Amino acid sequence: MMTETSVVARVDTMVSSEVDGEVVIMSIESGHFFRLNHSASRIWDLLDTPKDLATLCRHLGDRFEMDAADGQADVVEFVSAMQAKGLLTVN
């Protein structure tokens, strides 16, 4: 279960680059590509160093002027999906 103190980090076997304002990620192991929308790209950029969930939510809320509940739901959904695809780890 993810909590506000859970630390989220990128998996080291990913390569990413910005293309037309959005992030494209490639898994070195599988060769699969992932294209992130604007808000997901922002989260990925924030994870240049591992961060706890509360910090990610705060930054996303500040950037996109979201209320705390909506921001947290979006971040948890994104992190869970990326964790399931092997792009992020959560501790």
PDB file of N, CA and C in Angstrom:
ATOM      1  N   MET A   1       0.842  -1.187   0.000  1.00  0.00           N
ATOM      2  CA  MET A   1       0.000   0.000   0.000  1.00  0.00           C
ATOM      3  C   MET A   1       0.884   1.247   0.000  1.00  0.00           C
ATOM      4  N   MET A   2       0.544   2.191  -0.849  1.00  0.00           N
ATOM      5  CA  MET A   2       1.290   3.437  -0.956  1.00  0.00           C
ATOM      6  C   MET A   2       0.796   4.428   0.096  1.00  0.00           C
ATOM      7  N   THR A   3       1.742   5.088   0.762  1.00  0.00           N
ATOM      8  CA  THR A   3       1.407   6.129   1.732  1.00  0.00           C
ATOM      9  C   THR A   3       2.144   7.404   1.339  1.00  0.00           C
ATOM     10  N   GLU A   4       1.862   8.476   2.044  1.00  0.00           N
ATOM     11  CA  GLU A   4       2.525   9.753   1.754  1.00  0.00           C
ATOM     12  C   GLU A   4       4.034   9.690   1.933  1.00  0.00           C
ATOM     13  N   THR A   5       4.509   8.761   2.753  1.00  0.00           N
ATOM     14  CA  THR A   5       5.948   8.644   2.994  1.00  0.00           C
ATOM     15  C   THR A   5       6.620   7.626   2.074  1.00  0.00           C
ATOM     16  N   SER A   6       5.844   6.950   1.224  1.00  0.00           N
ATOM     17  CA  SER A   6       6.429   6.000   0.269  1.00  0.00           C
ATOM     18  C   SER A   6       7.362   6.754  -0.669  1.00  0.00           C
ATOM     19  N   VAL A   7       8.537   6.188  -0.902  1.00  0.00           N
ATOM     20  CA  VAL A   7       9.527   6.820  -1.768  1.00  0.00           C
ATOM     21  C   VAL A   7       9.429   6.205  -3.163  1.00  0.00           C
ATOM     22  N   VAL A   8       9.292   7.080  -4.150  1.00  0.00           N
ATOM     23  CA  VAL A   8       9.133   6.666  -5.545  1.00  0.00           C
ATOM     24  C   VAL A   8      10.431   6.979  -6.281  1.00  0.00           C
ATOM     25  N   ALA A   9      10.892   6.026  -7.106  1.00  0.00           N
ATOM     26  CA  ALA A   9      12.135   6.216  -7.849  1.00  0.00           C
ATOM     27  C   ALA A   9      12.007   5.603  -9.239  1.00  0.00           C
ATOM     28  N   ARG A  10      12.742   6.177 -10.164  1.00  0.00           N
ATOM     29  CA  ARG A  10      12.826   5.604 -11.509  1.00  0.00           C
ATOM     30  C   ARG A  10      13.643   4.321 -11.457  1.00  0.00           C
ATOM     31  N   VAL A  11      13.322   3.393 -12.341  1.00  0.00           N
ATOM     32  CA  VAL A  11      14.132   2.185 -12.505  1.00  0.00           C
ATOM     33  C   VAL A  11      15.319   2.562 -13.387  1.00  0.00           C
ATOM     34  N   ASP A  12      16.496   2.061 -13.046  1.00  0.00           N
ATOM     35  CA  ASP A  12      17.733   2.458 -13.727  1.00  0.00           C
ATOM     36  C   ASP A  12      17.832   2.014 -15.180  1.00  0.00           C
ATOM     37  N   THR A  13      17.007   1.074 -15.598  1.00  0.00           N
ATOM     38  CA  THR A  13      17.126   0.539 -16.955  1.00  0.00           C
ATOM     39  C   THR A  13      16.217   1.257 -17.948  1.00  0.00           C
ATOM     40  N   MET A  14      15.875   2.503 -17.651  1.00  0.00           N
ATOM     41  CA  MET A  14      15.033   3.310 -18.534  1.00  0.00           C
ATOM     42  C   MET A  14      15.838   4.469 -19.098  1.00  0.00           C
ATOM     43  N   VAL A  15      15.548   4.810 -20.339  1.00  0.00           N
ATOM     44  CA  VAL A  15      16.140   5.967 -20.990  1.00  0.00           C
ATOM     45  C   VAL A  15      14.975   6.870 -21.363  1.00  0.00           C
ATOM     46  N   SER A  16      15.098   8.160 -21.092  1.00  0.00           N
ATOM     47  CA  SER A  16      13.998   9.065 -21.414  1.00  0.00           C
ATOM     48  C   SER A  16      14.524  10.314 -22.097  1.00  0.00           C
ATOM     49  N   SER A  17      13.619  10.922 -22.869  1.00  0.00           N
ATOM     50  CA  SER A  17      13.951  12.149 -23.576  1.00  0.00           C
ATOM     51  C   SER A  17      12.674  12.942 -23.788  1.00  0.00           C
ATOM     52  N   GLU A  18      12.801  14.262 -23.873  1.00  0.00           N
ATOM     53  CA  GLU A  18      11.641  15.107 -24.141  1.00  0.00           C
ATOM     54  C   GLU A  18      11.463  15.247 -25.644  1.00  0.00           C
ATOM     55  N   VAL A  19      10.223  15.059 -26.103  1.00  0.00           N
ATOM     56  CA  VAL A  19       9.873  15.197 -27.508  1.00  0.00           C
ATOM     57  C   VAL A  19       8.595  16.027 -27.579  1.00  0.00           C
ATOM     58  N   ASP A  20       8.656  17.187 -28.183  1.00  0.00           N
ATOM     59  CA  ASP A  20       7.490  18.068 -28.318  1.00  0.00           C
ATOM     60  C   ASP A  20       6.807  18.341 -26.984  1.00  0.00           C
ATOM     61  N   GLY A  21       7.597  18.585 -25.940  1.00  0.00           N
ATOM     62  CA  GLY A  21       7.051  18.935 -24.639  1.00  0.00           C
ATOM     63  C   GLY A  21       6.559  17.776 -23.802  1.00  0.00           C
ATOM     64  N   GLU A  22       6.697  16.551 -24.311  1.00  0.00           N
ATOM     65  CA  GLU A  22       6.298  15.367 -23.557  1.00  0.00           C
ATOM     66  C   GLU A  22       7.492  14.423 -23.449  1.00  0.00           C
ATOM     67  N   VAL A  23       7.467  13.600 -22.422  1.00  0.00           N
ATOM     68  CA  VAL A  23       8.564  12.659 -22.193  1.00  0.00           C
ATOM     69  C   VAL A  23       8.251  11.331 -22.875  1.00  0.00           C
ATOM     70  N   VAL A  24       9.265  10.790 -23.546  1.00  0.00           N
ATOM     71  CA  VAL A  24       9.194   9.455 -24.122  1.00  0.00           C
ATOM     72  C   VAL A  24      10.227   8.612 -23.384  1.00  0.00           C
ATOM     73  N   ILE A  25       9.792   7.447 -22.916  1.00  0.00           N
ATOM     74  CA  ILE A  25      10.664   6.560 -22.135  1.00  0.00           C
ATOM     75  C   ILE A  25      10.848   5.262 -22.913  1.00  0.00           C
ATOM     76  N   MET A  26      12.072   4.741 -22.902  1.00  0.00           N
ATOM     77  CA  MET A  26      12.323   3.438 -23.508  1.00  0.00           C
ATOM     78  C   MET A  26      12.926   2.520 -22.466  1.00  0.00           C
ATOM     79  N   SER A  27      12.378   1.327 -22.397  1.00  0.00           N
ATOM     80  CA  SER A  27      12.933   0.298 -21.533  1.00  0.00           C
ATOM     81  C   SER A  27      14.093  -0.357 -22.269  1.00  0.00           C
ATOM     82  N   ILE A  28      15.279  -0.274 -21.708  1.00  0.00           N
ATOM     83  CA  ILE A  28      16.458  -0.888 -22.318  1.00  0.00           C
ATOM     84  C   ILE A  28      16.289  -2.403 -22.369  1.00  0.00           C
ATOM     85  N   GLU A  29      15.694  -2.977 -21.343  1.00  0.00           N
ATOM     86  CA  GLU A  29      15.533  -4.429 -21.268  1.00  0.00           C
ATOM     87  C   GLU A  29      14.545  -4.967 -22.286  1.00  0.00           C
ATOM     88  N   SER A  30      13.379  -4.312 -22.418  1.00  0.00           N
ATOM     89  CA  SER A  30      12.336  -4.850 -23.287  1.00  0.00           C
ATOM     90  C   SER A  30      12.258  -4.175 -24.656  1.00  0.00           C
ATOM     91  N   GLY A  31      12.803  -2.960 -24.768  1.00  0.00           N
ATOM     92  CA  GLY A  31      12.701  -2.219 -26.011  1.00  0.00           C
ATOM     93  C   GLY A  31      11.368  -1.514 -26.189  1.00  0.00           C
ATOM     94  N   HIS A  32      10.494  -1.573 -25.181  1.00  0.00           N
ATOM     95  CA  HIS A  32       9.192  -0.909 -25.265  1.00  0.00           C
ATOM     96  C   HIS A  32       9.334   0.588 -25.031  1.00  0.00           C
ATOM     97  N   PHE A  33       8.488   1.355 -25.729  1.00  0.00           N
ATOM     98  CA  PHE A  33       8.439   2.801 -25.577  1.00  0.00           C
ATOM     99  C   PHE A  33       7.168   3.199 -24.845  1.00  0.00           C
ATOM    100  N   PHE A  34       7.262   4.264 -24.069  1.00  0.00           N
ATOM    101  CA  PHE A  34       6.121   4.813 -23.352  1.00  0.00           C
ATOM    102  C   PHE A  34       6.133   6.324 -23.567  1.00  0.00           C
ATOM    103  N   ARG A  35       4.988   6.896 -23.935  1.00  0.00           N
ATOM    104  CA  ARG A  35       4.872   8.343 -24.120  1.00  0.00           C
ATOM    105  C   ARG A  35       3.990   8.887 -23.015  1.00  0.00           C
ATOM    106  N   LEU A  36       4.488   9.901 -22.319  1.00  0.00           N
ATOM    107  CA  LEU A  36       3.773  10.466 -21.176  1.00  0.00           C
ATOM    108  C   LEU A  36       3.120  11.785 -21.554  1.00  0.00           C
ATOM    109  N   ASN A  37       1.907  12.019 -21.039  1.00  0.00           N
ATOM    110  CA  ASN A  37       1.254  13.308 -21.259  1.00  0.00           C
ATOM    111  C   ASN A  37       1.952  14.378 -20.404  1.00  0.00           C
ATOM    112  N   HIS A  38       1.439  15.594 -20.473  1.00  0.00           N
ATOM    113  CA  HIS A  38       2.105  16.729 -19.827  1.00  0.00           C
ATOM    114  C   HIS A  38       2.267  16.541 -18.314  1.00  0.00           C
ATOM    115  N   SER A  39       1.185  16.183 -17.619  1.00  0.00           N
ATOM    116  CA  SER A  39       1.289  16.042 -16.161  1.00  0.00           C
ATOM    117  C   SER A  39       2.144  14.835 -15.775  1.00  0.00           C
ATOM    118  N   ALA A  40       2.025  13.732 -16.509  1.00  0.00           N
ATOM    119  CA  ALA A  40       2.861  12.562 -16.234  1.00  0.00           C
ATOM    120  C   ALA A  40       4.329  12.875 -16.518  1.00  0.00           C
ATOM    121  N   SER A  41       4.574  13.673 -17.561  1.00  0.00           N
ATOM    122  CA  SER A  41       5.945  14.090 -17.873  1.00  0.00           C
ATOM    123  C   SER A  41       6.533  14.898 -16.723  1.00  0.00           C
ATOM    124  N   ARG A  42       5.703  15.743 -16.111  1.00  0.00           N
ATOM    125  CA  ARG A  42       6.159  16.547 -14.967  1.00  0.00           C
ATOM    126  C   ARG A  42       6.549  15.647 -13.798  1.00  0.00           C
ATOM    127  N   ILE A  43       5.737  14.641 -13.529  1.00  0.00           N
ATOM    128  CA  ILE A  43       6.066  13.708 -12.447  1.00  0.00           C
ATOM    129  C   ILE A  43       7.387  13.008 -12.759  1.00  0.00           C
ATOM    130  N   TRP A  44       7.541  12.526 -13.995  1.00  0.00           N
ATOM    131  CA  TRP A  44       8.775  11.839 -14.384  1.00  0.00           C
ATOM    132  C   TRP A  44       9.979  12.757 -14.183  1.00  0.00           C
ATOM    133  N   ASP A  45       9.857  14.013 -14.597  1.00  0.00           N
ATOM    134  CA  ASP A  45      10.947  14.968 -14.418  1.00  0.00           C
ATOM    135  C   ASP A  45      11.285  15.166 -12.943  1.00  0.00           C
ATOM    136  N   LEU A  46      10.256  15.237 -12.108  1.00  0.00           N
ATOM    137  CA  LEU A  46      10.485  15.402 -10.667  1.00  0.00           C
ATOM    138  C   LEU A  46      11.242  14.224 -10.077  1.00  0.00           C
ATOM    139  N   LEU A  47      11.119  13.066 -10.706  1.00  0.00           N
ATOM    140  CA  LEU A  47      11.767  11.868 -10.189  1.00  0.00           C
ATOM    141  C   LEU A  47      13.203  11.716 -10.686  1.00  0.00           C
ATOM    142  N   ASP A  48      13.839  12.839 -11.064  1.00  0.00           N
ATOM    143  CA  ASP A  48      15.261  12.772 -11.402  1.00  0.00           C
ATOM    144  C   ASP A  48      16.051  12.298 -10.189  1.00  0.00           C
ATOM    145  N   THR A  49      15.494  12.516  -9.006  1.00  0.00           N
ATOM    146  CA  THR A  49      15.976  11.906  -7.771  1.00  0.00           C
ATOM    147  C   THR A  49      14.751  11.337  -7.061  1.00  0.00           C
ATOM    148  N   PRO A  50      14.895  10.260  -6.310  1.00  0.00           N
ATOM    149  CA  PRO A  50      13.739   9.677  -5.618  1.00  0.00           C
ATOM    150  C   PRO A  50      13.061  10.701  -4.712  1.00  0.00           C
ATOM    151  N   LYS A  51      11.730  10.621  -4.659  1.00  0.00           N
ATOM    152  CA  LYS A  51      10.950  11.545  -3.826  1.00  0.00           C
ATOM    153  C   LYS A  51       9.815  10.779  -3.160  1.00  0.00           C
ATOM    154  N   ASP A  52       9.398  11.296  -2.000  1.00  0.00           N
ATOM    155  CA  ASP A  52       8.250  10.672  -1.352  1.00  0.00           C
ATOM    156  C   ASP A  52       6.969  11.141  -2.033  1.00  0.00           C
ATOM    157  N   LEU A  53       5.922  10.368  -1.855  1.00  0.00           N
ATOM    158  CA  LEU A  53       4.643  10.626  -2.515  1.00  0.00           C
ATOM    159  C   LEU A  53       4.088  11.997  -2.161  1.00  0.00           C
ATOM    160  N   ALA A  54       4.216  12.419  -0.917  1.00  0.00           N
ATOM    161  CA  ALA A  54       3.709  13.723  -0.495  1.00  0.00           C
ATOM    162  C   ALA A  54       4.382  14.855  -1.266  1.00  0.00           C
ATOM    163  N   THR A  55       5.682  14.755  -1.494  1.00  0.00           N
ATOM    164  CA  THR A  55       6.409  15.774  -2.247  1.00  0.00           C
ATOM    165  C   THR A  55       5.940  15.816  -3.690  1.00  0.00           C
ATOM    166  N   LEU A  56       5.772  14.655  -4.311  1.00  0.00           N
ATOM    167  CA  LEU A  56       5.272  14.607  -5.684  1.00  0.00           C
ATOM    168  C   LEU A  56       3.901  15.260  -5.785  1.00  0.00           C
ATOM    169  N   CYS A  57       3.014  14.940  -4.855  1.00  0.00           N
ATOM    170  CA  CYS A  57       1.661  15.503  -4.858  1.00  0.00           C
ATOM    171  C   CYS A  57       1.695  17.014  -4.698  1.00  0.00           C
ATOM    172  N   ARG A  58       2.536  17.491  -3.810  1.00  0.00           N
ATOM    173  CA  ARG A  58       2.639  18.932  -3.574  1.00  0.00           C
ATOM    174  C   ARG A  58       3.124  19.653  -4.831  1.00  0.00           C
ATOM    175  N   HIS A  59       4.164  19.124  -5.475  1.00  0.00           N
ATOM    176  CA  HIS A  59       4.691  19.746  -6.681  1.00  0.00           C
ATOM    177  C   HIS A  59       3.671  19.732  -7.816  1.00  0.00           C
ATOM    178  N   LEU A  60       2.974  18.624  -7.994  1.00  0.00           N
ATOM    179  CA  LEU A  60       1.976  18.536  -9.057  1.00  0.00           C
ATOM    180  C   LEU A  60       0.812  19.486  -8.782  1.00  0.00           C
ATOM    181  N   GLY A  61       0.371  19.554  -7.536  1.00  0.00           N
ATOM    182  CA  GLY A  61      -0.715  20.458  -7.172  1.00  0.00           C
ATOM    183  C   GLY A  61      -0.346  21.907  -7.402  1.00  0.00           C
ATOM    184  N   ASP A  62       0.893  22.281  -7.059  1.00  0.00           N
ATOM    185  CA  ASP A  62       1.363  23.648  -7.276  1.00  0.00           C
ATOM    186  C   ASP A  62       1.438  23.979  -8.767  1.00  0.00           C
ATOM    187  N   ARG A  63       1.929  23.050  -9.539  1.00  0.00           N
ATOM    188  CA  ARG A  63       2.139  23.265 -10.974  1.00  0.00           C
ATOM    189  C   ARG A  63       0.819  23.375 -11.739  1.00  0.00           C
ATOM    190  N   PHE A  64      -0.147  22.517 -11.395  1.00  0.00           N
ATOM    191  CA  PHE A  64      -1.386  22.453 -12.162  1.00  0.00           C
ATOM    192  C   PHE A  64      -2.593  22.989 -11.399  1.00  0.00           C
ATOM    193  N   GLU A  65      -2.348  23.639 -10.259  1.00  0.00           N
ATOM    194  CA  GLU A  65      -3.418  24.242  -9.461  1.00  0.00           C
ATOM    195  C   GLU A  65      -4.564  23.262  -9.203  1.00  0.00           C
ATOM    196  N   MET A  66      -4.209  22.099  -8.666  1.00  0.00           N
ATOM    197  CA  MET A  66      -5.181  21.061  -8.342  1.00  0.00           C
ATOM    198  C   MET A  66      -5.402  21.043  -6.845  1.00  0.00           C
ATOM    199  N   ASP A  67      -6.589  20.604  -6.420  1.00  0.00           N
ATOM    200  CA  ASP A  67      -6.764  20.436  -4.986  1.00  0.00           C
ATOM    201  C   ASP A  67      -6.019  19.175  -4.554  1.00  0.00           C
ATOM    202  N   ALA A  68      -5.744  19.075  -3.283  1.00  0.00           N
ATOM    203  CA  ALA A  68      -4.896  18.008  -2.747  1.00  0.00           C
ATOM    204  C   ALA A  68      -5.420  16.614  -3.056  1.00  0.00           C
ATOM    205  N   ALA A  69      -6.724  16.402  -2.906  1.00  0.00           N
ATOM    206  CA  ALA A  69      -7.304  15.068  -3.121  1.00  0.00           C
ATOM    207  C   ALA A  69      -7.171  14.642  -4.583  1.00  0.00           C
ATOM    208  N   ASP A  70      -7.499  15.550  -5.511  1.00  0.00           N
ATOM    209  CA  ASP A  70      -7.372  15.217  -6.932  1.00  0.00           C
ATOM    210  C   ASP A  70      -5.920  14.983  -7.317  1.00  0.00           C
ATOM    211  N   GLY A  71      -5.042  15.832  -6.822  1.00  0.00           N
ATOM    212  CA  GLY A  71      -3.621  15.689  -7.119  1.00  0.00           C
ATOM    213  C   GLY A  71      -3.068  14.370  -6.628  1.00  0.00           C
ATOM    214  N   GLN A  72      -3.427  13.999  -5.403  1.00  0.00           N
ATOM    215  CA  GLN A  72      -2.933  12.741  -4.853  1.00  0.00           C
ATOM    216  C   GLN A  72      -3.489  11.559  -5.638  1.00  0.00           C
ATOM    217  N   ALA A  73      -4.758  11.595  -6.001  1.00  0.00           N
ATOM    218  CA  ALA A  73      -5.354  10.498  -6.772  1.00  0.00           C
ATOM    219  C   ALA A  73      -4.641  10.335  -8.109  1.00  0.00           C
ATOM    220  N   ASP A  74      -4.339  11.447  -8.786  1.00  0.00           N
ATOM    221  CA  ASP A  74      -3.644  11.390 -10.074  1.00  0.00           C
ATOM    222  C   ASP A  74      -2.234  10.840  -9.923  1.00  0.00           C
ATOM    223  N   VAL A  75      -1.523  11.293  -8.905  1.00  0.00           N
ATOM    224  CA  VAL A  75      -0.151  10.826  -8.693  1.00  0.00           C
ATOM    225  C   VAL A  75      -0.143   9.338  -8.351  1.00  0.00           C
ATOM    226  N   VAL A  76      -1.016   8.915  -7.467  1.00  0.00           N
ATOM    227  CA  VAL A  76      -1.074   7.492  -7.084  1.00  0.00           C
ATOM    228  C   VAL A  76      -1.421   6.634  -8.296  1.00  0.00           C
ATOM    229  N   GLU A  77      -2.358   7.091  -9.113  1.00  0.00           N
ATOM    230  CA  GLU A  77      -2.737   6.334 -10.315  1.00  0.00           C
ATOM    231  C   GLU A  77      -1.554   6.202 -11.268  1.00  0.00           C
ATOM    232  N   PHE A  78      -0.856   7.322 -11.516  1.00  0.00           N
ATOM    233  CA  PHE A  78       0.306   7.293 -12.405  1.00  0.00           C
ATOM    234  C   PHE A  78       1.410   6.391 -11.845  1.00  0.00           C
ATOM    235  N   VAL A  79       1.757   6.583 -10.584  1.00  0.00           N
ATOM    236  CA  VAL A  79       2.837   5.803  -9.978  1.00  0.00           C
ATOM    237  C   VAL A  79       2.486   4.310  -9.997  1.00  0.00           C
ATOM    238  N   SER A  80       1.252   3.964  -9.675  1.00  0.00           N
ATOM    239  CA  SER A  80       0.836   2.560  -9.685  1.00  0.00           C
ATOM    240  C   SER A  80       0.952   1.955 -11.082  1.00  0.00           C
ATOM    241  N   ALA A  81       0.510   2.693 -12.092  1.00  0.00           N
ATOM    242  CA  ALA A  81       0.582   2.199 -13.469  1.00  0.00           C
ATOM    243  C   ALA A  81       2.031   2.024 -13.912  1.00  0.00           C
ATOM    244  N   MET A  82       2.874   2.988 -13.594  1.00  0.00           N
ATOM    245  CA  MET A  82       4.275   2.901 -13.992  1.00  0.00           C
ATOM    246  C   MET A  82       5.026   1.827 -13.208  1.00  0.00           C
ATOM    247  N   GLN A  83       4.618   1.608 -11.965  1.00  0.00           N
ATOM    248  CA  GLN A  83       5.207   0.533 -11.172  1.00  0.00           C
ATOM    249  C   GLN A  83       4.831  -0.818 -11.782  1.00  0.00           C
ATOM    250  N   ALA A  84       3.584  -0.965 -12.200  1.00  0.00           N
ATOM    251  CA  ALA A  84       3.114  -2.218 -12.812  1.00  0.00           C
ATOM    252  C   ALA A  84       3.865  -2.510 -14.123  1.00  0.00           C
ATOM    253  N   LYS A  85       4.271  -1.463 -14.832  1.00  0.00           N
ATOM    254  CA  LYS A  85       4.999  -1.626 -16.096  1.00  0.00           C
ATOM    255  C   LYS A  85       6.500  -1.750 -15.884  1.00  0.00           C
ATOM    256  N   GLY A  86       6.951  -1.653 -14.618  1.00  0.00           N
ATOM    257  CA  GLY A  86       8.357  -1.806 -14.308  1.00  0.00           C
ATOM    258  C   GLY A  86       9.190  -0.563 -14.523  1.00  0.00           C
ATOM    259  N   LEU A  87       8.550   0.619 -14.594  1.00  0.00           N
ATOM    260  CA  LEU A  87       9.284   1.862 -14.818  1.00  0.00           C
ATOM    261  C   LEU A  87       9.662   2.581 -13.531  1.00  0.00           C
ATOM    262  N   LEU A  88       8.887   2.349 -12.476  1.00  0.00           N
ATOM    263  CA  LEU A  88       9.122   2.987 -11.181  1.00  0.00           C
ATOM    264  C   LEU A  88       9.137   1.937 -10.072  1.00  0.00           C
ATOM    265  N   THR A  89       9.841   2.267  -8.993  1.00  0.00           N
ATOM    266  CA  THR A  89       9.785   1.456  -7.785  1.00  0.00           C
ATOM    267  C   THR A  89       9.179   2.307  -6.681  1.00  0.00           C
ATOM    268  N   VAL A  90       8.532   1.646  -5.740  1.00  0.00           N
ATOM    269  CA  VAL A  90       7.938   2.322  -4.579  1.00  0.00           C
ATOM    270  C   VAL A  90       8.386   1.577  -3.339  1.00  0.00           C
ATOM    271  N   ASN A  91       8.986   2.318  -2.397  1.00  0.00           N
ATOM    272  CA  ASN A  91       9.440   1.724  -1.123  1.00  0.00           C
ATOM    273  C   ASN A  91       8.868   2.492   0.034  1.00  0.00           C
TER     274      ASN A  91
END
